[in-house]
Protein backbone atom coordinates (compact mmCIF):
# COMPACT_ATOMS: atom_id res chain seq x y z
CA MET A 1 -2.52 -92.12 -2.53
CA ILE A 2 -1.44 -88.83 -0.98
CA HIS A 3 -4.19 -86.50 0.24
CA VAL A 4 -3.62 -82.80 0.98
CA CYS A 5 -5.78 -80.56 3.17
CA PRO A 6 -5.74 -77.53 5.43
CA LEU A 7 -5.55 -77.93 9.21
CA SER A 8 -9.27 -77.11 9.54
CA ARG A 9 -10.14 -80.22 7.48
CA LEU A 10 -7.57 -82.67 8.89
CA GLU A 11 -9.92 -84.85 10.93
CA GLU A 12 -12.50 -84.95 8.09
CA THR A 13 -9.88 -85.85 5.51
CA VAL A 14 -8.35 -88.62 7.62
CA THR A 15 -11.80 -90.07 8.26
CA ARG A 16 -12.96 -89.79 4.64
CA THR A 17 -9.81 -91.33 3.15
CA GLY A 18 -9.05 -94.00 5.76
CA ALA A 19 -5.52 -92.62 6.06
CA SER A 20 -2.98 -94.36 8.23
CA HIS A 21 -0.28 -91.65 8.33
CA VAL A 22 -0.28 -87.84 8.71
CA LEU A 23 2.46 -85.39 7.86
CA THR A 24 2.03 -81.97 9.47
CA VAL A 25 4.11 -79.13 8.04
CA ILE A 26 3.18 -76.01 9.99
CA ASN A 27 4.55 -73.26 12.23
CA VAL A 28 6.24 -74.40 15.45
CA GLY A 29 3.81 -73.99 18.30
CA THR A 30 0.64 -74.33 16.21
CA PRO A 31 -1.71 -76.66 18.08
CA VAL A 32 -2.49 -79.72 15.99
CA LEU A 33 -4.84 -82.33 17.35
CA ARG A 34 -3.76 -85.71 15.91
CA PRO A 35 -6.83 -87.67 14.76
CA ALA A 36 -7.49 -90.48 17.20
CA VAL A 37 -7.23 -93.14 14.46
CA ILE A 38 -3.63 -92.11 13.71
CA ARG A 39 -1.01 -93.68 15.94
CA ALA A 40 1.55 -91.26 17.41
CA GLU A 41 4.39 -93.01 15.50
CA ASP A 42 2.45 -92.53 12.24
CA HIS A 43 2.26 -88.73 12.66
CA LEU A 44 5.19 -86.45 11.89
CA PHE A 45 5.14 -82.76 12.88
CA VAL A 46 7.70 -80.64 10.98
CA GLY A 47 7.75 -77.07 12.19
CA PHE A 48 8.74 -74.12 10.02
CA ASN A 49 7.20 -70.94 8.64
CA ASP A 50 5.87 -70.59 5.14
CA ILE A 51 8.61 -68.37 3.85
CA VAL A 52 11.02 -68.71 0.91
CA ALA A 53 14.01 -66.86 2.39
CA PRO A 54 15.43 -66.46 5.88
CA GLN A 55 13.70 -63.82 7.99
CA GLU A 56 14.61 -62.77 11.49
CA GLY A 57 12.47 -64.42 14.12
CA LEU A 58 11.05 -67.03 11.71
CA ILE A 59 12.08 -70.55 10.84
CA HIS A 60 12.67 -71.01 7.09
CA PRO A 61 12.50 -74.41 5.35
CA ALA A 62 15.87 -76.13 5.70
CA ALA A 63 17.62 -79.35 4.69
CA GLU A 64 16.75 -81.06 7.95
CA HIS A 65 13.04 -80.42 7.30
CA VAL A 66 13.32 -82.00 3.88
CA ALA A 67 15.24 -84.95 5.32
CA ALA A 68 12.47 -85.55 7.88
CA ILE A 69 9.77 -85.32 5.16
CA LEU A 70 11.63 -87.71 2.89
CA ALA A 71 12.32 -90.22 5.67
CA PHE A 72 8.66 -90.20 6.73
CA ALA A 73 7.36 -90.57 3.15
CA ARG A 74 9.72 -93.49 2.55
CA ARG A 75 8.71 -95.10 5.85
CA TRP A 76 4.99 -94.86 4.99
CA PRO A 77 3.93 -98.43 4.04
CA ARG A 78 1.44 -97.23 1.37
CA GLU A 79 -1.23 -99.73 2.42
CA ALA A 80 -3.56 -96.82 3.32
CA PRO A 81 -3.43 -93.15 2.29
CA LEU A 82 -1.06 -90.50 3.62
CA VAL A 83 -2.56 -87.11 4.55
CA VAL A 84 -0.27 -84.08 4.29
CA HIS A 85 -1.49 -80.81 5.73
CA CYS A 86 -0.30 -77.35 6.66
CA PHE A 87 -2.31 -74.42 7.97
CA ALA A 88 -4.02 -73.44 4.70
CA GLY A 89 -3.39 -76.44 2.48
CA ILE A 90 -1.81 -74.30 -0.20
CA SER A 91 1.99 -73.99 0.10
CA ARG A 92 3.89 -76.15 2.60
CA SER A 93 1.55 -79.13 2.25
CA THR A 94 1.46 -79.01 -1.56
CA ALA A 95 5.27 -78.76 -1.68
CA SER A 96 5.57 -81.69 0.70
CA ALA A 97 3.12 -83.79 -1.30
CA PHE A 98 5.05 -82.97 -4.49
CA ILE A 99 8.33 -83.89 -2.74
CA ALA A 100 6.90 -87.19 -1.51
CA ALA A 101 5.55 -88.05 -4.93
CA CYS A 102 8.91 -87.34 -6.56
CA ALA A 103 10.74 -89.43 -3.92
CA LEU A 104 8.34 -92.37 -4.13
CA ASP A 105 8.26 -92.48 -7.95
CA PRO A 106 11.81 -91.53 -9.00
CA GLU A 107 11.25 -92.52 -12.62
CA ARG A 108 8.28 -90.21 -13.10
CA GLU A 109 8.99 -86.86 -14.67
CA GLU A 110 8.80 -83.90 -12.33
CA MET A 111 6.66 -81.93 -14.79
CA ALA A 112 4.07 -84.75 -14.92
CA ILE A 113 3.78 -84.70 -11.15
CA ALA A 114 3.56 -80.88 -11.06
CA ARG A 115 0.84 -80.90 -13.72
CA ALA A 116 -1.09 -83.53 -11.74
CA LEU A 117 -0.74 -81.30 -8.70
CA ARG A 118 -2.09 -78.28 -10.57
CA ALA A 119 -4.97 -80.32 -12.03
CA ALA A 120 -5.92 -81.54 -8.54
CA SER A 121 -5.60 -78.16 -6.85
CA PRO A 122 -6.06 -74.85 -8.66
CA SER A 123 -4.83 -73.00 -5.53
CA ALA A 124 -1.66 -75.07 -4.96
CA THR A 125 1.38 -72.84 -4.66
CA PRO A 126 4.20 -75.12 -3.46
CA ASN A 127 6.79 -73.44 -1.25
CA ALA A 128 9.71 -72.81 -3.69
CA LEU A 129 12.45 -73.02 -1.07
CA LEU A 130 11.22 -76.33 0.29
CA VAL A 131 11.00 -77.72 -3.26
CA SER A 132 14.50 -76.43 -4.12
CA LEU A 133 15.98 -78.10 -1.06
CA ALA A 134 14.26 -81.37 -1.93
CA ASP A 135 15.37 -81.05 -5.55
CA ALA A 136 18.97 -81.00 -4.33
CA ALA A 137 18.44 -83.79 -1.80
CA LEU A 138 16.90 -86.04 -4.46
CA GLY A 139 19.48 -85.18 -7.11
CA ARG A 140 16.80 -83.97 -9.53
CA GLN A 141 19.16 -81.30 -10.93
CA GLY A 142 16.72 -78.40 -10.78
CA ARG A 143 13.89 -80.21 -12.51
CA MET A 144 11.59 -80.14 -9.48
CA SER A 145 12.02 -76.40 -9.10
CA ALA A 146 11.54 -75.84 -12.80
CA ALA A 147 8.35 -77.91 -12.78
CA VAL A 148 6.85 -75.97 -9.87
CA ALA A 149 7.84 -72.69 -11.55
CA ALA A 150 6.22 -73.84 -14.80
CA ILE A 151 2.80 -74.45 -13.19
CA GLY A 152 3.02 -71.02 -11.58
CA ARG A 153 1.26 -69.57 -8.60
CA GLY A 154 -2.12 -71.03 -7.87
CA ARG A 155 -5.29 -69.03 -7.80
CA GLU A 156 -5.83 -66.82 -4.78
CA ALA A 157 -7.49 -68.54 -1.84
CA MET A 158 -7.58 -68.21 1.90
CA GLU A 159 -7.68 -71.97 2.27
CA GLY A 160 -7.20 -74.83 -0.20
CA GLU A 161 -9.74 -77.53 -0.83
CA PRO A 162 -8.73 -81.10 0.08
CA PHE A 163 -7.40 -83.05 -2.90
CA GLU A 164 -5.54 -86.23 -3.76
CA LEU A 165 -2.29 -86.59 -5.62
CA ALA A 166 -1.44 -89.90 -7.25
CA TYR A 167 2.27 -90.72 -7.35
């Protein structure tokens, strides 16, 4: 199971779910305290800003970020949950969870995963650039991007509620 949460609820989510691995997708330089139960090698920090196009002075999602996310998801042994978080639990983390679910279940339709994401989180608004890059990396021929576009922007929220996404 993949669990998604904001940074403010990371420790609580790891404890509640019994997670063994944590994927952090957040701005470079943001302090993130790794929960003590998570080994250093089971925590990946991927640093970039939550933007969908290059902007001066900011780090936009790029192919190397997607490659790191995919490698970590594939390395996760799936014996205990994975927690994915960003700052708010709305955009980068939901995109990363969607990407991981698509990578780990290549036969499952992208739209089914996107609908499950929307059902689990009314505020989920996956970062479109991150999804587009993963779509290309996974050879999904635009279907991941189309699925995320089809579920639309999530409801307005300052912070998402923790949720789980089955893959």
